[in-house]
N, C-alpha and C. Protein backbone atom coordinates (compact mmCIF):
# COMPACT_ATOMS: atom_id res chain seq x y z
N MET A 1 0.85 -1.17 0.00
CA MET A 1 0.00 0.00 0.00
C MET A 1 0.90 1.23 0.00
N SER A 2 0.70 2.13 -0.94
CA SER A 2 1.53 3.32 -1.01
C SER A 2 1.06 4.35 0.01
N THR A 3 1.98 5.19 0.43
CA THR A 3 1.63 6.18 1.45
C THR A 3 0.68 7.22 0.91
N THR A 4 0.63 7.42 -0.40
CA THR A 4 -0.28 8.41 -0.96
C THR A 4 -1.73 7.96 -0.90
N GLU A 5 -1.99 6.67 -0.77
CA GLU A 5 -3.38 6.23 -0.72
C GLU A 5 -3.89 6.03 0.70
N THR A 6 -3.02 6.16 1.70
CA THR A 6 -3.42 5.95 3.08
C THR A 6 -3.68 7.28 3.77
N ILE A 7 -4.82 7.39 4.40
CA ILE A 7 -5.16 8.56 5.19
C ILE A 7 -4.96 8.17 6.64
N ASN A 8 -4.25 8.99 7.40
CA ASN A 8 -3.85 8.62 8.75
C ASN A 8 -5.00 8.41 9.72
N GLN A 9 -5.93 9.32 9.78
CA GLN A 9 -6.98 9.24 10.80
C GLN A 9 -8.25 8.63 10.24
N ALA A 10 -8.55 7.42 10.63
CA ALA A 10 -9.77 6.75 10.17
C ALA A 10 -10.99 7.39 10.83
N PRO A 11 -12.10 7.51 10.12
CA PRO A 11 -13.30 8.13 10.69
C PRO A 11 -14.07 7.21 11.63
N VAL A 12 -13.68 5.94 11.73
CA VAL A 12 -14.34 4.99 12.62
C VAL A 12 -13.32 4.36 13.54
N LYS A 13 -13.82 3.75 14.61
CA LYS A 13 -12.96 3.06 15.57
C LYS A 13 -13.35 1.60 15.60
N LEU A 14 -12.37 0.73 15.64
CA LEU A 14 -12.59 -0.71 15.83
C LEU A 14 -12.08 -1.06 17.21
N THR A 15 -12.91 -1.67 18.04
CA THR A 15 -12.48 -2.08 19.37
C THR A 15 -11.54 -3.27 19.26
N GLU A 16 -10.86 -3.59 20.34
CA GLU A 16 -9.96 -4.75 20.35
C GLU A 16 -10.72 -6.03 20.04
N GLY A 17 -11.95 -6.15 20.56
CA GLY A 17 -12.77 -7.32 20.26
C GLY A 17 -13.07 -7.44 18.78
N ALA A 18 -13.40 -6.32 18.14
CA ALA A 18 -13.68 -6.32 16.70
C ALA A 18 -12.42 -6.66 15.92
N LEU A 19 -11.30 -6.07 16.29
CA LEU A 19 -10.03 -6.35 15.59
C LEU A 19 -9.66 -7.82 15.69
N THR A 20 -9.83 -8.40 16.85
CA THR A 20 -9.51 -9.82 17.05
C THR A 20 -10.37 -10.70 16.15
N GLU A 21 -11.67 -10.43 16.12
CA GLU A 21 -12.57 -11.24 15.30
C GLU A 21 -12.30 -11.03 13.81
N LEU A 22 -12.04 -9.81 13.39
CA LEU A 22 -11.75 -9.53 11.98
C LEU A 22 -10.46 -10.22 11.52
N ARG A 23 -9.44 -10.19 12.37
CA ARG A 23 -8.19 -10.89 12.03
C ARG A 23 -8.41 -12.40 11.94
N LYS A 24 -9.27 -12.92 12.80
CA LYS A 24 -9.61 -14.35 12.77
C LYS A 24 -10.31 -14.69 11.45
N ILE A 25 -11.27 -13.88 11.04
CA ILE A 25 -11.98 -14.09 9.78
C ILE A 25 -11.00 -14.01 8.61
N GLN A 26 -10.12 -13.04 8.65
CA GLN A 26 -9.12 -12.84 7.60
C GLN A 26 -8.23 -14.08 7.48
N ALA A 27 -7.76 -14.60 8.59
CA ALA A 27 -6.88 -15.77 8.58
C ALA A 27 -7.61 -17.04 8.14
N GLU A 28 -8.81 -17.25 8.66
CA GLU A 28 -9.57 -18.46 8.32
C GLU A 28 -9.94 -18.52 6.84
N ASN A 29 -10.11 -17.37 6.22
CA ASN A 29 -10.50 -17.32 4.82
C ASN A 29 -9.32 -17.10 3.88
N HIS A 30 -8.11 -17.09 4.43
CA HIS A 30 -6.89 -16.94 3.65
C HIS A 30 -6.98 -15.77 2.68
N LEU A 31 -7.38 -14.60 3.20
CA LEU A 31 -7.56 -13.42 2.37
C LEU A 31 -6.21 -12.82 2.01
N GLY A 32 -6.03 -12.47 0.74
CA GLY A 32 -4.78 -11.95 0.23
C GLY A 32 -4.61 -10.46 0.49
N GLU A 33 -3.48 -9.93 0.03
CA GLU A 33 -3.14 -8.52 0.20
C GLU A 33 -4.12 -7.59 -0.51
N ASP A 34 -4.84 -8.10 -1.51
CA ASP A 34 -5.78 -7.25 -2.25
C ASP A 34 -7.13 -7.11 -1.54
N GLN A 35 -7.29 -7.77 -0.40
CA GLN A 35 -8.54 -7.72 0.35
C GLN A 35 -8.43 -6.72 1.50
N TYR A 36 -9.33 -5.77 1.51
CA TYR A 36 -9.41 -4.75 2.54
C TYR A 36 -10.71 -4.95 3.32
N LEU A 37 -10.75 -4.45 4.54
CA LEU A 37 -12.00 -4.44 5.27
C LEU A 37 -12.82 -3.26 4.76
N ARG A 38 -14.01 -3.52 4.24
CA ARG A 38 -14.88 -2.47 3.75
C ARG A 38 -15.89 -2.13 4.84
N ILE A 39 -15.93 -0.85 5.21
CA ILE A 39 -16.91 -0.33 6.16
C ILE A 39 -17.75 0.70 5.42
N GLY A 40 -19.06 0.58 5.53
CA GLY A 40 -19.91 1.54 4.84
C GLY A 40 -21.36 1.34 5.20
N VAL A 41 -22.21 1.85 4.33
CA VAL A 41 -23.65 1.74 4.51
C VAL A 41 -24.29 1.35 3.19
N LYS A 42 -25.50 0.83 3.27
CA LYS A 42 -26.29 0.54 2.07
C LYS A 42 -27.75 0.77 2.41
N GLY A 43 -28.54 1.04 1.39
CA GLY A 43 -29.96 1.24 1.59
C GLY A 43 -30.63 -0.05 2.00
N GLY A 44 -31.62 0.05 2.87
CA GLY A 44 -32.36 -1.12 3.31
C GLY A 44 -32.38 -1.23 4.82
N GLY A 45 -32.94 -2.30 5.29
CA GLY A 45 -33.07 -2.48 6.73
C GLY A 45 -34.35 -1.82 7.22
N CYS A 46 -34.73 -2.12 8.44
CA CYS A 46 -36.00 -1.63 8.95
C CYS A 46 -36.00 -0.13 9.27
N SER A 47 -34.82 0.50 9.36
CA SER A 47 -34.76 1.93 9.63
C SER A 47 -34.32 2.76 8.42
N GLY A 48 -34.07 2.11 7.29
CA GLY A 48 -33.72 2.85 6.08
C GLY A 48 -32.34 2.60 5.54
N MET A 49 -31.35 2.42 6.43
CA MET A 49 -29.98 2.14 6.02
C MET A 49 -29.42 1.02 6.88
N SER A 50 -28.50 0.23 6.30
CA SER A 50 -27.84 -0.85 7.02
C SER A 50 -26.34 -0.66 6.94
N TYR A 51 -25.64 -1.17 7.93
CA TYR A 51 -24.18 -1.10 7.92
C TYR A 51 -23.61 -2.18 7.03
N LEU A 52 -22.48 -1.87 6.44
CA LEU A 52 -21.76 -2.80 5.58
C LEU A 52 -20.39 -3.05 6.20
N LEU A 53 -20.07 -4.31 6.45
CA LEU A 53 -18.80 -4.70 7.03
C LEU A 53 -18.40 -6.01 6.38
N ALA A 54 -17.42 -5.97 5.47
CA ALA A 54 -17.02 -7.17 4.73
C ALA A 54 -15.64 -6.96 4.15
N PHE A 55 -14.97 -8.03 3.80
CA PHE A 55 -13.70 -7.92 3.11
C PHE A 55 -13.97 -7.81 1.62
N ASP A 56 -13.22 -6.92 0.96
CA ASP A 56 -13.50 -6.57 -0.42
C ASP A 56 -12.24 -5.98 -1.05
N THR A 57 -12.28 -5.77 -2.36
CA THR A 57 -11.17 -5.11 -3.04
C THR A 57 -11.43 -3.61 -3.07
N LYS A 58 -10.36 -2.84 -3.23
CA LYS A 58 -10.42 -1.38 -3.26
C LYS A 58 -10.89 -0.91 -4.63
N THR A 59 -11.68 0.16 -4.65
CA THR A 59 -12.12 0.79 -5.90
C THR A 59 -11.62 2.23 -5.93
N ASP A 60 -11.79 2.88 -7.06
CA ASP A 60 -11.38 4.28 -7.21
C ASP A 60 -12.22 5.22 -6.35
N GLU A 61 -13.38 4.77 -5.91
CA GLU A 61 -14.27 5.60 -5.09
C GLU A 61 -13.96 5.51 -3.60
N ASP A 62 -12.92 4.78 -3.23
CA ASP A 62 -12.61 4.52 -1.82
C ASP A 62 -11.50 5.40 -1.28
N HIS A 63 -11.62 5.73 0.00
CA HIS A 63 -10.50 6.23 0.79
C HIS A 63 -9.92 5.01 1.49
N VAL A 64 -8.62 5.01 1.71
CA VAL A 64 -7.93 3.90 2.34
C VAL A 64 -7.42 4.34 3.71
N TYR A 65 -7.61 3.50 4.71
CA TYR A 65 -7.16 3.77 6.07
C TYR A 65 -6.41 2.55 6.58
N GLU A 66 -5.71 2.75 7.67
CA GLU A 66 -5.12 1.62 8.38
C GLU A 66 -5.50 1.77 9.85
N ILE A 67 -6.14 0.74 10.37
CA ILE A 67 -6.53 0.74 11.78
C ILE A 67 -5.85 -0.46 12.42
N ALA A 68 -4.88 -0.17 13.29
CA ALA A 68 -4.14 -1.22 13.99
C ALA A 68 -3.66 -2.30 13.02
N ASP A 69 -2.98 -1.91 11.97
CA ASP A 69 -2.39 -2.74 10.92
C ASP A 69 -3.41 -3.46 10.03
N LEU A 70 -4.69 -3.14 10.16
CA LEU A 70 -5.72 -3.70 9.30
C LEU A 70 -6.05 -2.68 8.21
N LYS A 71 -5.95 -3.08 6.95
CA LYS A 71 -6.24 -2.18 5.84
C LYS A 71 -7.75 -2.06 5.69
N VAL A 72 -8.24 -0.82 5.67
CA VAL A 72 -9.67 -0.54 5.63
C VAL A 72 -9.96 0.38 4.45
N VAL A 73 -11.06 0.11 3.73
CA VAL A 73 -11.53 1.01 2.67
C VAL A 73 -12.95 1.46 3.00
N MET A 74 -13.23 2.68 2.53
CA MET A 74 -14.56 3.23 2.74
C MET A 74 -14.90 4.10 1.54
N ASN A 75 -16.06 3.87 0.96
CA ASN A 75 -16.52 4.71 -0.13
C ASN A 75 -16.62 6.14 0.38
N LYS A 76 -16.08 7.07 -0.38
CA LYS A 76 -16.04 8.48 0.04
C LYS A 76 -17.43 9.00 0.40
N ALA A 77 -18.45 8.56 -0.29
CA ALA A 77 -19.82 9.03 -0.05
C ALA A 77 -20.41 8.48 1.25
N HIS A 78 -19.84 7.43 1.80
CA HIS A 78 -20.39 6.81 3.01
C HIS A 78 -19.84 7.44 4.29
N GLU A 79 -18.72 8.14 4.19
CA GLU A 79 -18.04 8.63 5.38
C GLU A 79 -18.93 9.52 6.25
N MET A 80 -19.75 10.35 5.64
CA MET A 80 -20.58 11.26 6.44
C MET A 80 -21.58 10.52 7.31
N TYR A 81 -21.92 9.29 6.95
CA TYR A 81 -22.88 8.51 7.73
C TYR A 81 -22.24 7.75 8.89
N VAL A 82 -20.93 7.54 8.82
CA VAL A 82 -20.29 6.69 9.83
C VAL A 82 -19.18 7.38 10.62
N ILE A 83 -18.92 8.64 10.35
CA ILE A 83 -17.84 9.33 11.06
C ILE A 83 -18.11 9.30 12.57
N GLY A 84 -17.12 8.88 13.32
CA GLY A 84 -17.24 8.77 14.77
C GLY A 84 -17.83 7.45 15.26
N MET A 85 -18.17 6.55 14.34
CA MET A 85 -18.80 5.27 14.71
C MET A 85 -17.77 4.32 15.33
N GLU A 86 -18.24 3.50 16.25
CA GLU A 86 -17.41 2.46 16.85
C GLU A 86 -17.99 1.09 16.49
N VAL A 87 -17.12 0.20 16.01
CA VAL A 87 -17.52 -1.17 15.69
C VAL A 87 -16.94 -2.07 16.77
N ASN A 88 -17.78 -2.91 17.34
CA ASN A 88 -17.37 -3.82 18.41
C ASN A 88 -17.82 -5.24 18.06
N TRP A 89 -17.20 -6.22 18.70
CA TRP A 89 -17.61 -7.62 18.57
C TRP A 89 -18.11 -8.07 19.93
N GLU A 90 -19.31 -8.61 19.96
CA GLU A 90 -19.88 -9.16 21.19
C GLU A 90 -20.00 -10.67 21.05
N ASP A 91 -19.62 -11.36 22.10
CA ASP A 91 -19.66 -12.82 22.07
C ASP A 91 -20.31 -13.31 23.36
N GLY A 92 -21.55 -12.89 23.58
CA GLY A 92 -22.24 -13.24 24.82
C GLY A 92 -23.37 -14.22 24.60
N LEU A 93 -24.04 -14.57 25.67
CA LEU A 93 -25.16 -15.50 25.60
C LEU A 93 -26.37 -14.91 24.88
N ASN A 94 -26.61 -13.62 25.10
CA ASN A 94 -27.79 -12.99 24.51
C ASN A 94 -27.56 -12.41 23.12
N SER A 95 -26.30 -12.11 22.82
CA SER A 95 -26.01 -11.55 21.50
C SER A 95 -24.59 -11.92 21.08
N ARG A 96 -24.45 -12.19 19.79
CA ARG A 96 -23.15 -12.53 19.25
C ARG A 96 -23.05 -11.89 17.88
N GLY A 97 -22.01 -11.11 17.67
CA GLY A 97 -21.82 -10.47 16.38
C GLY A 97 -21.26 -9.07 16.51
N PHE A 98 -21.11 -8.42 15.37
CA PHE A 98 -20.60 -7.06 15.36
C PHE A 98 -21.71 -6.10 15.74
N THR A 99 -21.36 -5.11 16.54
CA THR A 99 -22.30 -4.07 16.93
C THR A 99 -21.75 -2.72 16.47
N PHE A 100 -22.64 -1.78 16.21
CA PHE A 100 -22.28 -0.48 15.68
C PHE A 100 -22.85 0.60 16.58
N THR A 101 -21.99 1.45 17.11
CA THR A 101 -22.42 2.60 17.90
C THR A 101 -22.12 3.83 17.06
N ASN A 102 -23.18 4.44 16.53
CA ASN A 102 -23.03 5.51 15.56
C ASN A 102 -23.66 6.80 16.09
N PRO A 103 -22.84 7.83 16.36
CA PRO A 103 -23.39 9.10 16.86
C PRO A 103 -24.22 9.85 15.82
N ASN A 104 -24.14 9.46 14.55
CA ASN A 104 -24.88 10.13 13.48
C ASN A 104 -26.27 9.56 13.27
N ALA A 105 -26.56 8.43 13.88
CA ALA A 105 -27.86 7.78 13.69
C ALA A 105 -28.94 8.55 14.44
N LYS A 106 -29.96 8.96 13.71
CA LYS A 106 -31.09 9.65 14.34
C LYS A 106 -32.02 8.65 15.03
N SER A 107 -32.12 7.45 14.45
CA SER A 107 -32.88 6.37 15.08
C SER A 107 -32.29 5.04 14.64
N THR A 108 -32.48 4.03 15.46
CA THR A 108 -32.00 2.69 15.14
C THR A 108 -33.14 1.71 15.39
N CYS A 109 -32.94 0.49 14.92
CA CYS A 109 -33.97 -0.53 15.17
C CYS A 109 -33.43 -1.52 16.20
N GLY A 110 -34.24 -2.47 16.54
CA GLY A 110 -33.88 -3.44 17.56
C GLY A 110 -32.74 -4.36 17.15
N CYS A 111 -32.55 -4.57 15.85
CA CYS A 111 -31.49 -5.49 15.41
C CYS A 111 -30.11 -4.88 15.56
N GLY A 112 -30.00 -3.56 15.64
CA GLY A 112 -28.72 -2.91 15.83
C GLY A 112 -27.89 -2.73 14.59
N THR A 113 -28.39 -3.18 13.44
CA THR A 113 -27.62 -3.03 12.21
C THR A 113 -28.32 -2.12 11.21
N SER A 114 -29.42 -1.51 11.60
CA SER A 114 -30.17 -0.63 10.73
C SER A 114 -30.37 0.70 11.42
N PHE A 115 -30.30 1.81 10.66
CA PHE A 115 -30.44 3.12 11.25
C PHE A 115 -30.98 4.12 10.24
N SER A 116 -31.35 5.28 10.71
CA SER A 116 -31.71 6.37 9.81
C SER A 116 -30.82 7.56 10.17
N ALA A 117 -30.50 8.35 9.17
CA ALA A 117 -29.59 9.49 9.39
C ALA A 117 -30.30 10.79 9.10
């Protein structure tokens, strides 16, 4: 990754729990250097928008970040919806999976992965 494509300050935070789980997924799936963690949003869900968290290739529409040695891409148009968001991994009896704490969400639904801005 060239230094010209990396922006120092990522607009989102990944907790240690999220980083651990993401690295585990990356290793189990033998993802190559061309795979970045994509964080973003998409239309849909019970509140209007859903979070996007997946490994993917970089496009020309992406900004590139590095969070604790994990390469992250985000579509430039999505940043305004997720700036300041924290992604966590929960592994409890009542809930298991990634959770999103987004200060930009005007409302959220019970599933925790859908919001309105």
